[in-house]
Amino acid sequence: MIRRIMLISCIALMLGVTVSQGEWRMSVHRGETTDDYLVAEVDSITFADVFTPPPMVLVPAGTFIMGDGVAYCGVDEREVTLTRDFYLGQHEVTNQEYLEAVQWAYDHGYVTATTSSVLDNLDGSTQELLGLDGSCEIAFSGGTFTLRDVGHGINPDHPVMEVTWYGAVRYCDWLSLQAGLPRAYTGDWACNGGDPYGAAGYRLPTDAEWEYAAQWDDERIYPWGDEGPDCSRANFYHTALCVGWTSPVGSYPDAPEALGLSDMAGNVWEWCNDRLVCSLGTTPATDPVGPSSGTKRVHRGGSWYYRDYYLLQCAYRDGDYPDTRYDGIGFRASRTITP
């Protein structure tokens, strides 16, 4: 009996749980949720291989003016209403966050990998998700993903780079699979059959959601306000490279501060869900999903080595082919708040 009590106590300490005297009930605490178990009825404890979702912030639904009249592909101004609250990644997905997720996906057979590339293995797809050569700070060998030094140290908290649009959306699908949620992207890669706002699982933010969050909630020019950019506000090319490489996420004051978002300008471009079309017109829209066809996907926010500070404007829109990957593009995840 003494050994059993000691074992239970050790397990409790390992799990970070509390064991109460009397009936020997074990309380497992997860945030604000507590699950109680009668210890005598517990046959075994299994430690599952899981990865940690990125921290997310709440963005309330609302209406804003998309476009600012001057930004590239943001000249058209139109009223956009977003009818659903959503979560948006507090920061860009980091090397460590992606590494843990892709290792989980590899262990479950959702991807294949070589020393130079990670390929999709869902729905019959073999799209490249992540390039492991070049400037990528993630490496693969012998079934294990690790961080590597490409000349700037080991950087677990820097944003992941060399990730394609496919690799960004698959990360969202892995989050959904682990959480027991329906995957947002299946088959033809259309998010929830063309209705991203109705998706129950994780996904990329829509073009409109990204801009809405970046300018929250006063139509500001830049995520931090209307003051011009400098190296104290973002990691980009000012009169010279501000840093010369990516920065740890959260290195700059949160902007917009009211939401507590980091790196909405600079560091790395961020993939969005929508296909790219430069002219969106001026007709008011509700929960816009972007064009139904097109060869490029939107990315937002500029990156660490782009010179033109206009790229940091909330309304600036650009894009690239979904299989593109390089050392200045990453992403952040989002999710609709469903009843």
Protein backbone atom coordinates (compact mmCIF):
# COMPACT_ATOMS: atom_id res chain seq x y z
CA MET A 1 0.00 0.00 0.00
CA ILE A 2 2.82 2.39 0.85
CA ARG A 3 4.48 1.70 -2.49
CA ARG A 4 1.21 2.34 -4.30
CA ILE A 5 0.75 5.68 -2.54
CA MET A 6 4.32 6.65 -3.33
CA LEU A 7 3.83 5.70 -6.99
CA ILE A 8 0.62 7.73 -7.21
CA SER A 9 2.33 10.69 -5.61
CA CYS A 10 5.25 10.44 -8.04
CA ILE A 11 2.87 10.27 -11.01
CA ALA A 12 0.99 13.24 -9.61
CA LEU A 13 4.19 15.25 -9.37
CA MET A 14 5.19 14.27 -12.93
CA LEU A 15 1.82 15.34 -14.29
CA GLY A 16 1.64 18.51 -12.24
CA VAL A 17 -1.58 17.31 -10.56
CA THR A 18 -2.84 17.23 -6.98
CA VAL A 19 -3.85 14.11 -5.08
CA SER A 20 -6.35 14.62 -2.27
CA GLN A 21 -6.50 12.44 0.86
CA GLY A 22 -9.52 10.30 1.76
CA GLU A 23 -10.95 8.83 -1.44
CA TRP A 24 -7.66 9.36 -3.26
CA ARG A 25 -9.01 11.36 -6.12
CA MET A 26 -6.63 12.79 -8.68
CA SER A 27 -7.37 16.25 -10.07
CA VAL A 28 -5.80 17.08 -13.43
CA HIS A 29 -5.72 20.82 -14.12
CA ARG A 30 -5.63 22.19 -17.67
CA GLY A 31 -6.00 25.96 -17.64
CA GLU A 32 -9.38 26.68 -16.07
CA THR A 33 -10.59 23.09 -16.55
CA THR A 34 -10.24 20.44 -13.85
CA ASP A 35 -10.93 16.72 -14.35
CA ASP A 36 -11.25 14.48 -11.28
CA TYR A 37 -10.46 10.76 -11.30
CA LEU A 38 -10.88 8.14 -8.57
CA VAL A 39 -7.37 6.74 -8.32
CA ALA A 40 -8.57 3.22 -7.51
CA GLU A 41 -10.33 3.12 -10.90
CA VAL A 42 -7.29 4.25 -12.94
CA ASP A 43 -5.78 1.24 -14.75
CA SER A 44 -2.96 3.02 -16.52
CA ILE A 45 -1.65 6.41 -17.59
CA THR A 46 -0.46 7.02 -21.15
CA PHE A 47 1.80 9.93 -22.01
CA ALA A 48 0.73 10.98 -25.50
CA ASP A 49 3.10 12.57 -27.98
CA VAL A 50 1.69 16.04 -28.46
CA PHE A 51 2.96 19.43 -29.51
CA THR A 52 2.01 22.79 -28.10
CA PRO A 53 -0.28 25.08 -30.15
CA PRO A 54 1.00 28.64 -30.58
CA PRO A 55 -0.45 31.31 -28.26
CA MET A 56 -3.43 33.09 -29.78
CA VAL A 57 -5.33 36.30 -29.08
CA LEU A 58 -9.00 37.13 -29.51
CA VAL A 59 -9.92 39.49 -32.34
CA PRO A 60 -13.55 40.66 -31.99
CA ALA A 61 -15.81 40.84 -35.03
CA GLY A 62 -16.37 44.27 -36.54
CA THR A 63 -16.32 46.58 -39.54
CA PHE A 64 -13.37 48.46 -41.07
CA ILE A 65 -12.17 50.08 -44.27
CA MET A 66 -9.95 47.65 -46.18
CA GLY A 67 -7.32 49.47 -48.25
CA ASP A 68 -5.91 52.94 -47.64
CA GLY A 69 -5.92 54.59 -51.07
CA VAL A 70 -2.15 54.52 -51.57
CA ALA A 71 -0.64 51.15 -50.63
CA TYR A 72 0.32 48.66 -53.35
CA CYS A 73 -2.72 46.47 -54.10
CA GLY A 74 -4.43 48.41 -51.33
CA VAL A 75 -5.47 51.46 -53.35
CA ASP A 76 -9.10 50.35 -53.53
CA GLU A 77 -10.96 51.18 -50.33
CA ARG A 78 -14.06 49.27 -49.35
CA GLU A 79 -16.05 48.68 -46.20
CA VAL A 80 -15.60 45.14 -44.91
CA THR A 81 -17.64 43.54 -42.14
CA LEU A 82 -16.32 40.48 -40.33
CA THR A 83 -19.22 38.81 -38.53
CA ARG A 84 -17.30 36.28 -36.44
CA ASP A 85 -14.80 36.66 -33.65
CA PHE A 86 -11.58 34.79 -34.36
CA TYR A 87 -8.31 33.83 -32.77
CA LEU A 88 -5.07 34.94 -34.39
CA GLY A 89 -1.57 33.77 -33.53
CA GLN A 90 0.02 36.19 -31.07
CA HIS A 91 3.21 35.86 -33.07
CA GLU A 92 4.53 34.19 -36.18
CA VAL A 93 4.95 30.43 -35.86
CA THR A 94 8.45 29.80 -34.58
CA ASN A 95 11.12 27.28 -35.57
CA GLN A 96 10.50 25.34 -32.36
CA GLU A 97 6.72 25.32 -32.80
CA TYR A 98 6.99 24.10 -36.39
CA LEU A 99 9.69 21.57 -35.53
CA GLU A 100 7.55 19.94 -32.82
CA ALA A 101 4.52 19.87 -35.12
CA VAL A 102 6.32 18.43 -38.14
CA GLN A 103 7.96 15.78 -35.94
CA TRP A 104 4.49 14.81 -34.71
CA ALA A 105 3.23 14.73 -38.30
CA TYR A 106 6.18 12.61 -39.41
CA ASP A 107 5.69 10.16 -36.54
CA HIS A 108 2.03 9.78 -37.55
CA GLY A 109 2.78 9.30 -41.25
CA TYR A 110 1.29 12.63 -42.35
CA VAL A 111 4.53 13.74 -44.04
CA THR A 112 7.64 12.24 -45.56
CA ALA A 113 11.05 13.83 -45.27
CA THR A 114 14.58 13.86 -46.64
CA THR A 115 17.54 15.94 -45.55
CA SER A 116 16.49 18.63 -48.02
CA SER A 117 12.70 18.71 -47.93
CA VAL A 118 9.46 17.85 -46.11
CA LEU A 119 6.70 16.56 -48.37
CA ASP A 120 2.99 16.22 -47.71
CA ASN A 121 1.47 12.76 -47.26
CA LEU A 122 -2.23 13.56 -46.79
CA ASP A 123 -5.03 13.20 -49.34
CA GLY A 124 -2.61 11.75 -51.89
CA SER A 125 -0.63 15.00 -51.95
CA THR A 126 3.16 15.18 -52.25
CA GLN A 127 3.45 18.97 -52.20
CA GLU A 128 6.60 20.37 -50.67
CA LEU A 129 5.81 21.86 -47.27
CA LEU A 130 9.19 22.96 -45.95
CA GLY A 131 12.57 23.35 -47.59
CA LEU A 132 15.31 22.08 -45.27
CA ASP A 133 18.17 23.32 -47.40
CA GLY A 134 19.32 26.90 -47.80
CA SER A 135 18.41 29.15 -44.89
CA CYS A 136 15.95 26.91 -43.08
CA GLU A 137 16.90 26.56 -39.41
CA ILE A 138 15.31 23.10 -39.13
CA ALA A 139 17.17 19.93 -40.12
CA PHE A 140 16.15 16.28 -40.54
CA SER A 141 18.20 13.12 -40.13
CA GLY A 142 17.45 9.57 -39.06
CA GLY A 143 13.77 10.22 -38.41
CA THR A 144 14.36 13.21 -36.15
CA PHE A 145 13.97 16.94 -36.74
CA THR A 146 16.39 19.27 -34.98
CA LEU A 147 17.37 22.92 -35.02
CA ARG A 148 20.52 23.86 -36.89
CA ASP A 149 22.85 26.84 -37.13
CA VAL A 150 22.94 28.40 -40.62
CA GLY A 151 25.25 31.16 -39.50
CA HIS A 152 23.11 32.99 -36.96
CA GLY A 153 23.05 30.59 -34.01
CA ILE A 154 20.35 28.19 -32.86
CA ASN A 155 17.07 30.10 -32.89
CA PRO A 156 14.05 28.22 -31.52
CA ASP A 157 12.07 31.43 -30.99
CA HIS A 158 12.67 32.95 -34.44
CA PRO A 159 9.93 32.57 -37.07
CA VAL A 160 10.11 29.48 -39.23
CA MET A 161 11.19 30.24 -42.82
CA GLU A 162 11.39 28.36 -46.12
CA VAL A 163 7.78 27.26 -45.60
CA THR A 164 5.45 27.11 -48.59
CA TRP A 165 1.79 28.10 -48.45
CA TYR A 166 1.05 24.37 -48.43
CA GLY A 167 3.35 23.94 -45.45
CA ALA A 168 1.58 26.72 -43.59
CA VAL A 169 -1.89 25.29 -44.11
CA ARG A 170 -0.74 21.76 -43.26
CA TYR A 171 0.60 23.05 -39.95
CA CYS A 172 -2.94 24.30 -39.28
CA ASP A 173 -4.30 20.86 -40.23
CA TRP A 174 -1.88 19.17 -37.82
CA LEU A 175 -3.15 21.43 -35.05
CA SER A 176 -6.71 20.37 -35.91
CA LEU A 177 -5.86 16.67 -36.07
CA GLN A 178 -4.17 16.77 -32.69
CA ALA A 179 -7.10 18.66 -31.15
CA GLY A 180 -9.71 16.31 -32.64
CA LEU A 181 -11.14 19.05 -34.86
CA PRO A 182 -12.16 18.76 -38.53
CA ARG A 183 -9.30 19.70 -40.84
CA ALA A 184 -9.89 22.98 -42.64
CA TYR A 185 -7.92 21.95 -45.75
CA THR A 186 -8.72 18.77 -47.63
CA GLY A 187 -8.65 17.58 -51.21
CA ASP A 188 -8.33 20.64 -53.43
CA TRP A 189 -6.83 22.83 -50.64
CA ALA A 190 -9.94 25.01 -50.47
CA CYS A 191 -10.44 26.05 -46.86
CA ASN A 192 -13.61 24.43 -45.54
CA GLY A 193 -14.97 24.09 -49.06
CA GLY A 194 -14.51 27.80 -49.72
CA ASP A 195 -15.94 29.03 -46.39
CA PRO A 196 -12.95 29.71 -44.14
CA TYR A 197 -15.02 31.65 -41.62
CA GLY A 198 -17.14 28.56 -40.99
CA ALA A 199 -14.20 26.22 -40.46
CA ALA A 200 -14.10 24.54 -37.06
CA GLY A 201 -10.40 23.74 -37.30
CA TYR A 202 -7.27 25.84 -37.46
CA ARG A 203 -6.51 27.73 -40.66
CA LEU A 204 -4.63 30.68 -42.09
CA PRO A 205 -6.19 34.11 -41.56
CA THR A 206 -8.08 35.51 -44.50
CA ASP A 207 -6.68 38.54 -46.27
CA ALA A 208 -9.35 40.71 -44.65
CA GLU A 209 -8.83 39.28 -41.17
CA TRP A 210 -5.09 39.95 -41.33
CA GLU A 211 -5.52 43.61 -42.31
CA TYR A 212 -8.34 44.10 -39.80
CA ALA A 213 -6.14 42.82 -36.98
CA ALA A 214 -3.08 44.79 -38.12
CA GLN A 215 -4.91 48.15 -38.11
CA TRP A 216 -7.04 47.47 -35.03
CA ASP A 217 -9.14 49.47 -34.49
CA ASP A 218 -8.54 52.97 -35.77
CA GLU A 219 -7.56 52.62 -39.45
CA ARG A 220 -3.90 53.26 -38.55
CA ILE A 221 -1.30 53.25 -41.33
CA TYR A 222 1.09 50.83 -39.60
CA PRO A 223 0.38 48.27 -36.89
CA TRP A 224 1.92 50.57 -34.27
CA GLY A 225 0.18 53.76 -35.45
CA ASP A 226 0.75 56.50 -38.02
CA GLU A 227 4.39 57.28 -37.21
CA GLY A 228 6.88 56.28 -39.88
CA PRO A 229 8.82 53.04 -39.45
CA ASP A 230 12.30 52.76 -38.00
CA CYS A 231 14.42 49.99 -36.51
CA SER A 232 12.83 50.42 -33.08
CA ARG A 233 9.43 49.43 -34.45
CA ALA A 234 10.14 46.59 -36.87
CA ASN A 235 12.84 44.33 -38.29
CA PHE A 236 13.25 45.40 -41.95
CA TYR A 237 15.63 47.21 -44.28
CA HIS A 238 15.55 50.87 -43.25
CA THR A 239 18.61 52.85 -44.37
CA ALA A 240 20.39 49.54 -43.87
CA LEU A 241 19.39 46.16 -42.50
CA CYS A 242 17.99 46.70 -39.03
CA VAL A 243 19.15 43.29 -37.81
CA GLY A 244 20.46 41.33 -40.78
CA TRP A 245 18.42 38.24 -39.93
CA THR A 246 15.11 37.34 -38.35
CA SER A 247 14.44 38.41 -34.77
CA PRO A 248 12.96 36.41 -31.89
CA VAL A 249 9.18 36.81 -32.00
CA GLY A 250 7.99 39.54 -29.67
CA SER A 251 11.25 41.52 -29.86
CA TYR A 252 9.39 44.73 -30.66
CA PRO A 253 6.55 46.46 -28.79
CA ASP A 254 3.27 44.68 -29.44
CA ALA A 255 1.45 46.33 -32.32
CA PRO A 256 -1.41 46.85 -32.38
CA GLU A 257 -0.94 47.11 -28.62
CA ALA A 258 -4.65 46.76 -27.85
CA LEU A 259 -4.60 43.21 -29.20
CA GLY A 260 -1.10 42.29 -28.05
CA LEU A 261 0.03 41.07 -31.48
CA SER A 262 3.72 40.90 -32.36
CA ASP A 263 5.57 41.28 -35.66
CA MET A 264 2.64 42.23 -37.84
CA ALA A 265 5.22 44.31 -39.71
CA GLY A 266 8.68 43.06 -40.67
CA ASN A 267 10.54 39.90 -39.64
CA VAL A 268 8.93 37.58 -42.21
CA TRP A 269 6.12 37.83 -44.73
CA GLU A 270 3.01 35.97 -43.58
CA TRP A 271 0.95 33.70 -45.79
CA CYS A 272 -2.82 34.33 -45.81
CA ASN A 273 -5.60 32.04 -46.95
CA ASP A 274 -6.81 34.01 -50.00
CA ARG A 275 -5.76 33.89 -53.60
CA LEU A 276 -4.25 37.16 -54.75
CA VAL A 277 -5.96 39.73 -56.91
CA CYS A 278 -4.66 43.28 -56.73
CA SER A 279 -7.90 45.16 -57.31
CA LEU A 280 -10.62 44.27 -54.81
CA GLY A 281 -12.99 47.02 -55.91
CA THR A 282 -14.94 49.40 -53.70
CA THR A 283 -18.18 47.49 -53.14
CA PRO A 284 -18.82 46.75 -49.43
CA ALA A 285 -18.28 43.11 -48.49
CA THR A 286 -19.16 40.81 -45.61
CA ASP A 287 -16.77 38.00 -44.66
CA PRO A 288 -14.89 38.18 -48.00
CA VAL A 289 -13.03 35.05 -49.10
CA GLY A 290 -11.04 36.41 -52.05
CA PRO A 291 -11.19 35.24 -55.66
CA SER A 292 -12.17 31.65 -56.46
CA SER A 293 -9.31 31.23 -58.90
CA GLY A 294 -5.78 32.51 -59.36
CA THR A 295 -2.20 31.28 -59.26
CA LYS A 296 -0.83 33.20 -56.27
CA ARG A 297 -1.67 33.41 -52.56
CA VAL A 298 -1.61 36.58 -50.49
CA HIS A 299 1.21 37.30 -48.09
CA ARG A 300 1.42 40.30 -45.79
CA GLY A 301 3.67 42.42 -43.59
CA GLY A 302 7.11 42.68 -45.22
CA SER A 303 10.24 40.94 -43.99
CA TRP A 304 13.66 41.46 -42.44
CA TYR A 305 15.50 42.22 -45.69
CA TYR A 306 12.93 44.14 -47.75
CA ARG A 307 13.95 47.75 -48.31
CA ASP A 308 10.72 49.60 -49.02
CA TYR A 309 9.08 50.68 -45.77
CA TYR A 310 5.74 50.97 -47.56
CA LEU A 311 5.63 47.18 -47.33
CA LEU A 312 4.96 47.57 -43.62
CA GLN A 313 1.68 49.39 -44.16
CA CYS A 314 -1.38 47.52 -42.91
CA ALA A 315 -3.04 47.86 -46.32
CA TYR A 316 -0.05 46.72 -48.39
CA ARG A 317 -0.91 43.47 -50.18
CA ASP A 318 1.31 41.17 -52.17
CA GLY A 319 1.58 37.47 -52.88
CA ASP A 320 3.45 34.60 -54.44
CA TYR A 321 2.97 31.12 -55.84
CA PRO A 322 1.92 28.66 -53.12
CA ASP A 323 4.95 26.45 -53.67
CA THR A 324 7.32 29.39 -53.13
CA ARG A 325 9.70 29.24 -50.19
CA TYR A 326 12.61 31.43 -49.15
CA ASP A 327 14.31 32.95 -46.12
CA GLY A 328 11.81 35.75 -45.64
CA ILE A 329 8.41 34.07 -45.56
CA GLY A 330 6.50 32.44 -42.73
CA PHE A 331 2.99 32.62 -41.26
CA ARG A 332 0.74 32.73 -38.22
CA ALA A 333 -2.30 30.56 -37.57
CA SER A 334 -5.90 31.53 -36.87
CA ARG A 335 -9.20 29.94 -35.96
CA THR A 336 -12.84 31.04 -36.02
CA ILE A 337 -14.51 31.08 -32.62
CA THR A 338 -17.37 28.66 -33.07
CA PRO A 339 -20.34 28.12 -30.71
